[in-house]
Amino acid sequence: AVFALKAAVEKDTYAIIFMTEEMFAASE
């Protein structure tokens, strides 16, 4: 989950990133 979040943020194309609660908790 952390790697997926980092990759999404690094793209710098997203204003909003929704995450399932499990992924959200795992990437605190």
PDB file of all heavy atoms in Angstrom:
ATOM      1  N   ALA A   1       0.823  -1.215   0.000  1.00  0.00           N
ATOM      2  CA  ALA A   1       0.000   0.000   0.000  1.00  0.00           C
ATOM      3  C   ALA A   1       0.856   1.264   0.000  1.00  0.00           C
ATOM      4  O   ALA A   1       0.545   2.236  -0.689  1.00  0.00           O
ATOM      5  CB  ALA A   1      -0.942   0.009   1.205  1.00  0.00           C
ATOM      6  N   VAL A   2       1.940   1.268   0.754  1.00  0.00           N
ATOM      7  CA  VAL A   2       2.821   2.435   0.815  1.00  0.00           C
ATOM      8  C   VAL A   2       3.421   2.718  -0.553  1.00  0.00           C
ATOM      9  O   VAL A   2       3.467   3.861  -0.999  1.00  0.00           O
ATOM     10  CB  VAL A   2       3.935   2.242   1.870  1.00  0.00           C
ATOM     11  CG1 VAL A   2       4.959   3.361   1.796  1.00  0.00           C
ATOM     12  CG2 VAL A   2       3.337   2.176   3.257  1.00  0.00           C
ATOM     13  N   PHE A   3       3.850   1.672  -1.247  1.00  0.00           N
ATOM     14  CA  PHE A   3       4.448   1.849  -2.567  1.00  0.00           C
ATOM     15  C   PHE A   3       3.416   2.371  -3.569  1.00  0.00           C
ATOM     16  O   PHE A   3       3.725   3.231  -4.390  1.00  0.00           O
ATOM     17  CB  PHE A   3       5.069   0.542  -3.064  1.00  0.00           C
ATOM     18  CG  PHE A   3       6.145   0.026  -2.153  1.00  0.00           C
ATOM     19  CD1 PHE A   3       5.934  -1.103  -1.384  1.00  0.00           C
ATOM     20  CD2 PHE A   3       7.356   0.693  -2.041  1.00  0.00           C
ATOM     21  CE1 PHE A   3       6.920  -1.571  -0.532  1.00  0.00           C
ATOM     22  CE2 PHE A   3       8.349   0.228  -1.194  1.00  0.00           C
ATOM     23  CZ  PHE A   3       8.132  -0.904  -0.428  1.00  0.00           C
ATOM     24  N   ALA A   4       2.194   1.852  -3.496  1.00  0.00           N
ATOM     25  CA  ALA A   4       1.137   2.312  -4.396  1.00  0.00           C
ATOM     26  C   ALA A   4       0.819   3.783  -4.135  1.00  0.00           C
ATOM     27  O   ALA A   4       0.645   4.566  -5.077  1.00  0.00           O
ATOM     28  CB  ALA A   4      -0.118   1.460  -4.213  1.00  0.00           C
ATOM     29  N   LEU A   5       0.769   4.173  -2.872  1.00  0.00           N
ATOM     30  CA  LEU A   5       0.485   5.561  -2.519  1.00  0.00           C
ATOM     31  C   LEU A   5       1.610   6.480  -2.984  1.00  0.00           C
ATOM     32  O   LEU A   5       1.363   7.531  -3.587  1.00  0.00           O
ATOM     33  CB  LEU A   5       0.264   5.702  -1.016  1.00  0.00           C
ATOM     34  CG  LEU A   5      -0.027   7.103  -0.504  1.00  0.00           C
ATOM     35  CD1 LEU A   5      -1.267   7.694  -1.169  1.00  0.00           C
ATOM     36  CD2 LEU A   5      -0.173   7.091   1.007  1.00  0.00           C
ATOM     37  N   LYS A   6       2.857   6.089  -2.723  1.00  0.00           N
ATOM     38  CA  LYS A   6       3.996   6.904  -3.151  1.00  0.00           C
ATOM     39  C   LYS A   6       3.985   7.103  -4.666  1.00  0.00           C
ATOM     40  O   LYS A   6       4.209   8.205  -5.153  1.00  0.00           O
ATOM     41  CB  LYS A   6       5.320   6.248  -2.745  1.00  0.00           C
ATOM     42  CG  LYS A   6       5.716   6.447  -1.324  1.00  0.00           C
ATOM     43  CD  LYS A   6       7.083   5.804  -1.083  1.00  0.00           C
ATOM     44  CE  LYS A   6       7.522   5.937   0.346  1.00  0.00           C
ATOM     45  NZ  LYS A   6       8.834   5.309   0.592  1.00  0.00           N
ATOM     46  N   ALA A   7       3.734   6.028  -5.395  1.00  0.00           N
ATOM     47  CA  ALA A   7       3.715   6.112  -6.857  1.00  0.00           C
ATOM     48  C   ALA A   7       2.619   7.053  -7.337  1.00  0.00           C
ATOM     49  O   ALA A   7       2.826   7.853  -8.256  1.00  0.00           O
ATOM     50  CB  ALA A   7       3.526   4.721  -7.458  1.00  0.00           C
ATOM     51  N   ALA A   8       1.452   6.996  -6.710  1.00  0.00           N
ATOM     52  CA  ALA A   8       0.349   7.873  -7.102  1.00  0.00           C
ATOM     53  C   ALA A   8       0.677   9.337  -6.814  1.00  0.00           C
ATOM     54  O   ALA A   8       0.403  10.221  -7.623  1.00  0.00           O
ATOM     55  CB  ALA A   8      -0.929   7.464  -6.371  1.00  0.00           C
ATOM     56  N   VAL A   9       1.291   9.600  -5.674  1.00  0.00           N
ATOM     57  CA  VAL A   9       1.646  10.975  -5.295  1.00  0.00           C
ATOM     58  C   VAL A   9       2.750  11.510  -6.207  1.00  0.00           C
ATOM     59  O   VAL A   9       2.703  12.668  -6.638  1.00  0.00           O
ATOM     60  CB  VAL A   9       2.048  11.053  -3.810  1.00  0.00           C
ATOM     61  CG1 VAL A   9       2.639  12.406  -3.465  1.00  0.00           C
ATOM     62  CG2 VAL A   9       0.850  10.751  -2.924  1.00  0.00           C
ATOM     63  N   GLU A  10       3.726  10.673  -6.518  1.00  0.00           N
ATOM     64  CA  GLU A  10       4.841  11.107  -7.366  1.00  0.00           C
ATOM     65  C   GLU A  10       4.397  11.467  -8.780  1.00  0.00           C
ATOM     66  O   GLU A  10       5.031  12.281  -9.437  1.00  0.00           O
ATOM     67  CB  GLU A  10       5.927  10.028  -7.401  1.00  0.00           C
ATOM     68  CG  GLU A  10       6.714   9.965  -6.112  1.00  0.00           C
ATOM     69  CD  GLU A  10       7.674   8.789  -6.038  1.00  0.00           C
ATOM     70  OE1 GLU A  10       7.790   8.027  -7.026  1.00  0.00           O
ATOM     71  OE2 GLU A  10       8.302   8.620  -4.979  1.00  0.00           O
ATOM     72  N   LYS A  11       3.298  10.872  -9.242  1.00  0.00           N
ATOM     73  CA  LYS A  11       2.781  11.212 -10.573  1.00  0.00           C
ATOM     74  C   LYS A  11       2.340  12.668 -10.633  1.00  0.00           C
ATOM     75  O   LYS A  11       2.314  13.277 -11.685  1.00  0.00           O
ATOM     76  CB  LYS A  11       1.593  10.317 -10.936  1.00  0.00           C
ATOM     77  CG  LYS A  11       1.969   8.949 -11.405  1.00  0.00           C
ATOM     78  CD  LYS A  11       0.749   8.143 -11.708  1.00  0.00           C
ATOM     79  CE  LYS A  11       0.535   8.039 -13.199  1.00  0.00           C
ATOM     80  NZ  LYS A  11      -0.567   7.144 -13.542  1.00  0.00           N
ATOM     81  N   ASP A  12       1.960  13.227  -9.492  1.00  0.00           N
ATOM     82  CA  ASP A  12       1.521  14.616  -9.374  1.00  0.00           C
ATOM     83  C   ASP A  12       0.354  14.939 -10.311  1.00  0.00           C
ATOM     84  O   ASP A  12       0.268  16.031 -10.854  1.00  0.00           O
ATOM     85  CB  ASP A  12       2.694  15.578  -9.614  1.00  0.00           C
ATOM     86  CG  ASP A  12       2.391  16.985  -9.126  1.00  0.00           C
ATOM     87  OD1 ASP A  12       1.666  17.114  -8.121  1.00  0.00           O
ATOM     88  OD2 ASP A  12       2.856  17.948  -9.765  1.00  0.00           O
ATOM     89  N   THR A  13      -0.529  13.983 -10.503  1.00  0.00           N
ATOM     90  CA  THR A  13      -1.695  14.211 -11.359  1.00  0.00           C
ATOM     91  C   THR A  13      -3.007  14.073 -10.594  1.00  0.00           C
ATOM     92  O   THR A  13      -4.068  14.277 -11.172  1.00  0.00           O
ATOM     93  CB  THR A  13      -1.719  13.223 -12.542  1.00  0.00           C
ATOM     94  OG1 THR A  13      -1.730  11.894 -12.038  1.00  0.00           O
ATOM     95  CG2 THR A  13      -0.533  13.420 -13.451  1.00  0.00           C
ATOM     96  N   TYR A  14      -2.929  13.737  -9.315  1.00  0.00           N
ATOM     97  CA  TYR A  14      -4.151  13.482  -8.551  1.00  0.00           C
ATOM     98  C   TYR A  14      -4.407  14.550  -7.493  1.00  0.00           C
ATOM     99  O   TYR A  14      -3.529  14.872  -6.709  1.00  0.00           O
ATOM    100  CB  TYR A  14      -4.082  12.111  -7.870  1.00  0.00           C
ATOM    101  CG  TYR A  14      -3.902  10.980  -8.851  1.00  0.00           C
ATOM    102  CD1 TYR A  14      -2.764  10.192  -8.834  1.00  0.00           C
ATOM    103  CD2 TYR A  14      -4.871  10.714  -9.817  1.00  0.00           C
ATOM    104  CE1 TYR A  14      -2.588   9.165  -9.745  1.00  0.00           C
ATOM    105  CE2 TYR A  14      -4.701   9.690 -10.728  1.00  0.00           C
ATOM    106  CZ  TYR A  14      -3.562   8.919 -10.688  1.00  0.00           C
ATOM    107  OH  TYR A  14      -3.394   7.910 -11.595  1.00  0.00           O
ATOM    108  N   ALA A  15      -5.629  15.070  -7.497  1.00  0.00           N
ATOM    109  CA  ALA A  15      -6.050  16.004  -6.458  1.00  0.00           C
ATOM    110  C   ALA A  15      -6.629  15.244  -5.271  1.00  0.00           C
ATOM    111  O   ALA A  15      -6.532  15.671  -4.129  1.00  0.00           O
ATOM    112  CB  ALA A  15      -7.086  16.981  -7.006  1.00  0.00           C
ATOM    113  N   ILE A  16      -7.247  14.098  -5.572  1.00  0.00           N
ATOM    114  CA  ILE A  16      -7.863  13.271  -4.539  1.00  0.00           C
ATOM    115  C   ILE A  16      -7.437  11.833  -4.763  1.00  0.00           C
ATOM    116  O   ILE A  16      -7.474  11.330  -5.884  1.00  0.00           O
ATOM    117  CB  ILE A  16      -9.406  13.357  -4.589  1.00  0.00           C
ATOM    118  CG1 ILE A  16      -9.871  14.793  -4.388  1.00  0.00           C
ATOM    119  CG2 ILE A  16     -10.039  12.433  -3.550  1.00  0.00           C
ATOM    120  CD1 ILE A  16     -11.350  14.996  -4.645  1.00  0.00           C
ATOM    121  N   ILE A  17      -7.036  11.179  -3.683  1.00  0.00           N
ATOM    122  CA  ILE A  17      -6.719   9.758  -3.726  1.00  0.00           C
ATOM    123  C   ILE A  17      -7.578   9.077  -2.674  1.00  0.00           C
ATOM    124  O   ILE A  17      -7.416   9.319  -1.475  1.00  0.00           O
ATOM    125  CB  ILE A  17      -5.229   9.480  -3.459  1.00  0.00           C
ATOM    126  CG1 ILE A  17      -4.362  10.172  -4.509  1.00  0.00           C
ATOM    127  CG2 ILE A  17      -4.973   7.973  -3.430  1.00  0.00           C
ATOM    128  CD1 ILE A  17      -2.869  10.088  -4.236  1.00  0.00           C
ATOM    129  N   PHE A  18      -8.524   8.273  -3.132  1.00  0.00           N
ATOM    130  CA  PHE A  18      -9.321   7.459  -2.229  1.00  0.00           C
ATOM    131  C   PHE A  18      -8.545   6.171  -1.976  1.00  0.00           C
ATOM    132  O   PHE A  18      -7.885   5.653  -2.868  1.00  0.00           O
ATOM    133  CB  PHE A  18     -10.681   7.112  -2.845  1.00  0.00           C
ATOM    134  CG  PHE A  18     -11.594   8.287  -3.000  1.00  0.00           C
ATOM    135  CD1 PHE A  18     -11.822   8.852  -4.244  1.00  0.00           C
ATOM    136  CD2 PHE A  18     -12.244   8.835  -1.902  1.00  0.00           C
ATOM    137  CE1 PHE A  18     -12.668   9.935  -4.395  1.00  0.00           C
ATOM    138  CE2 PHE A  18     -13.089   9.918  -2.039  1.00  0.00           C
ATOM    139  CZ  PHE A  18     -13.302  10.467  -3.296  1.00  0.00           C
ATOM    140  N   MET A  19      -8.621   5.667  -0.756  1.00  0.00           N
ATOM    141  CA  MET A  19      -7.980   4.395  -0.413  1.00  0.00           C
ATOM    142  C   MET A  19      -8.958   3.557   0.388  1.00  0.00           C
ATOM    143  O   MET A  19      -9.659   4.094   1.256  1.00  0.00           O
ATOM    144  CB  MET A  19      -6.721   4.612   0.435  1.00  0.00           C
ATOM    145  CG  MET A  19      -5.621   5.385  -0.240  1.00  0.00           C
ATOM    146  SD  MET A  19      -4.159   5.549   0.823  1.00  0.00           S
ATOM    147  CE  MET A  19      -3.380   3.955   0.530  1.00  0.00           C
ATOM    148  N   THR A  20      -8.994   2.254   0.116  1.00  0.00           N
ATOM    149  CA  THR A  20      -9.818   1.402   0.962  1.00  0.00           C
ATOM    150  C   THR A  20      -9.271   1.497   2.390  1.00  0.00           C
ATOM    151  O   THR A  20      -8.095   1.778   2.592  1.00  0.00           O
ATOM    152  CB  THR A  20      -9.807  -0.061   0.484  1.00  0.00           C
ATOM    153  OG1 THR A  20      -8.482  -0.557   0.501  1.00  0.00           O
ATOM    154  CG2 THR A  20     -10.432  -0.203  -0.893  1.00  0.00           C
ATOM    155  N   GLU A  21     -10.125   1.289   3.334  1.00  0.00           N
ATOM    156  CA  GLU A  21      -9.723   1.457   4.739  1.00  0.00           C
ATOM    157  C   GLU A  21      -8.526   0.582   5.116  1.00  0.00           C
ATOM    158  O   GLU A  21      -7.664   1.013   5.885  1.00  0.00           O
ATOM    159  CB  GLU A  21     -10.904   1.161   5.660  1.00  0.00           C
ATOM    160  CG  GLU A  21     -11.963   2.230   5.584  1.00  0.00           C
ATOM    161  CD  GLU A  21     -13.176   1.920   6.431  1.00  0.00           C
ATOM    162  OE1 GLU A  21     -13.572   0.742   6.518  1.00  0.00           O
ATOM    163  OE2 GLU A  21     -13.739   2.866   7.002  1.00  0.00           O
ATOM    164  N   GLU A  22      -8.443  -0.608   4.552  1.00  0.00           N
ATOM    165  CA  GLU A  22      -7.295  -1.479   4.851  1.00  0.00           C
ATOM    166  C   GLU A  22      -5.990  -0.872   4.341  1.00  0.00           C
ATOM    167  O   GLU A  22      -4.985  -0.860   5.041  1.00  0.00           O
ATOM    168  CB  GLU A  22      -7.500  -2.852   4.210  1.00  0.00           C
ATOM    169  CG  GLU A  22      -8.590  -3.662   4.869  1.00  0.00           C
ATOM    170  CD  GLU A  22      -8.849  -4.962   4.142  1.00  0.00           C
ATOM    171  OE1 GLU A  22      -8.857  -4.972   2.897  1.00  0.00           O
ATOM    172  OE2 GLU A  22      -9.041  -5.972   4.838  1.00  0.00           O
ATOM    173  N   MET A  23      -6.013  -0.361   3.115  1.00  0.00           N
ATOM    174  CA  MET A  23      -4.816   0.256   2.538  1.00  0.00           C
ATOM    175  C   MET A  23      -4.485   1.568   3.260  1.00  0.00           C
ATOM    176  O   MET A  23      -3.332   1.901   3.471  1.00  0.00           O
ATOM    177  CB  MET A  23      -4.990   0.522   1.038  1.00  0.00           C
ATOM    178  CG  MET A  23      -5.269  -0.700   0.228  1.00  0.00           C
ATOM    179  SD  MET A  23      -3.957  -1.912   0.353  1.00  0.00           S
ATOM    180  CE  MET A  23      -4.812  -3.372  -0.182  1.00  0.00           C
ATOM    181  N   PHE A  24      -5.535   2.289   3.624  1.00  0.00           N
ATOM    182  CA  PHE A  24      -5.388   3.551   4.353  1.00  0.00           C
ATOM    183  C   PHE A  24      -4.655   3.312   5.673  1.00  0.00           C
ATOM    184  O   PHE A  24      -3.699   4.009   6.011  1.00  0.00           O
ATOM    185  CB  PHE A  24      -6.778   4.147   4.585  1.00  0.00           C
ATOM    186  CG  PHE A  24      -6.788   5.521   5.171  1.00  0.00           C
ATOM    187  CD1 PHE A  24      -6.649   6.631   4.356  1.00  0.00           C
ATOM    188  CD2 PHE A  24      -6.968   5.716   6.523  1.00  0.00           C
ATOM    189  CE1 PHE A  24      -6.681   7.907   4.888  1.00  0.00           C
ATOM    190  CE2 PHE A  24      -6.993   6.981   7.070  1.00  0.00           C
ATOM    191  CZ  PHE A  24      -6.855   8.080   6.246  1.00  0.00           C
ATOM    192  N   ALA A  25      -5.083   2.302   6.420  1.00  0.00           N
ATOM    193  CA  ALA A  25      -4.471   1.993   7.711  1.00  0.00           C
ATOM    194  C   ALA A  25      -3.036   1.503   7.537  1.00  0.00           C
ATOM    195  O   ALA A  25      -2.148   1.849   8.324  1.00  0.00           O
ATOM    196  CB  ALA A  25      -5.292   0.941   8.446  1.00  0.00           C
ATOM    197  N   ALA A  26      -2.787   0.730   6.484  1.00  0.00           N
ATOM    198  CA  ALA A  26      -1.454   0.166   6.262  1.00  0.00           C
ATOM    199  C   ALA A  26      -0.423   1.209   5.837  1.00  0.00           C
ATOM    200  O   ALA A  26       0.769   0.974   5.945  1.00  0.00           O
ATOM    201  CB  ALA A  26      -1.530  -0.940   5.210  1.00  0.00           C
ATOM    202  N   SER A  27      -0.887   2.359   5.381  1.00  0.00           N
ATOM    203  CA  SER A  27       0.041   3.383   4.880  1.00  0.00           C
ATOM    204  C   SER A  27       0.084   4.622   5.774  1.00  0.00           C
ATOM    205  O   SER A  27       0.403   5.712   5.317  1.00  0.00           O
ATOM    206  CB  SER A  27      -0.359   3.785   3.457  1.00  0.00           C
ATOM    207  OG  SER A  27      -1.654   4.340   3.457  1.00  0.00           O
ATOM    208  N   GLU A  28      -0.192   4.457   7.043  1.00  0.00           N
ATOM    209  CA  GLU A  28      -0.317   5.592   7.968  1.00  0.00           C
ATOM    210  C   GLU A  28       0.915   6.499   8.001  1.00  0.00           C
ATOM    211  O   GLU A  28       0.794   7.719   7.892  1.00  0.00           O
ATOM    212  CB  GLU A  28      -0.629   5.098   9.377  1.00  0.00           C
ATOM    213  CG  GLU A  28      -0.822   6.230  10.359  1.00  0.00           C
ATOM    214  CD  GLU A  28      -1.233   5.753  11.735  1.00  0.00           C
ATOM    215  OE1 GLU A  28      -1.257   4.543  11.985  1.00  0.00           O
ATOM    216  OE2 GLU A  28      -1.531   6.627  12.565  1.00  0.00           O
TER     217      GLU A  28
END
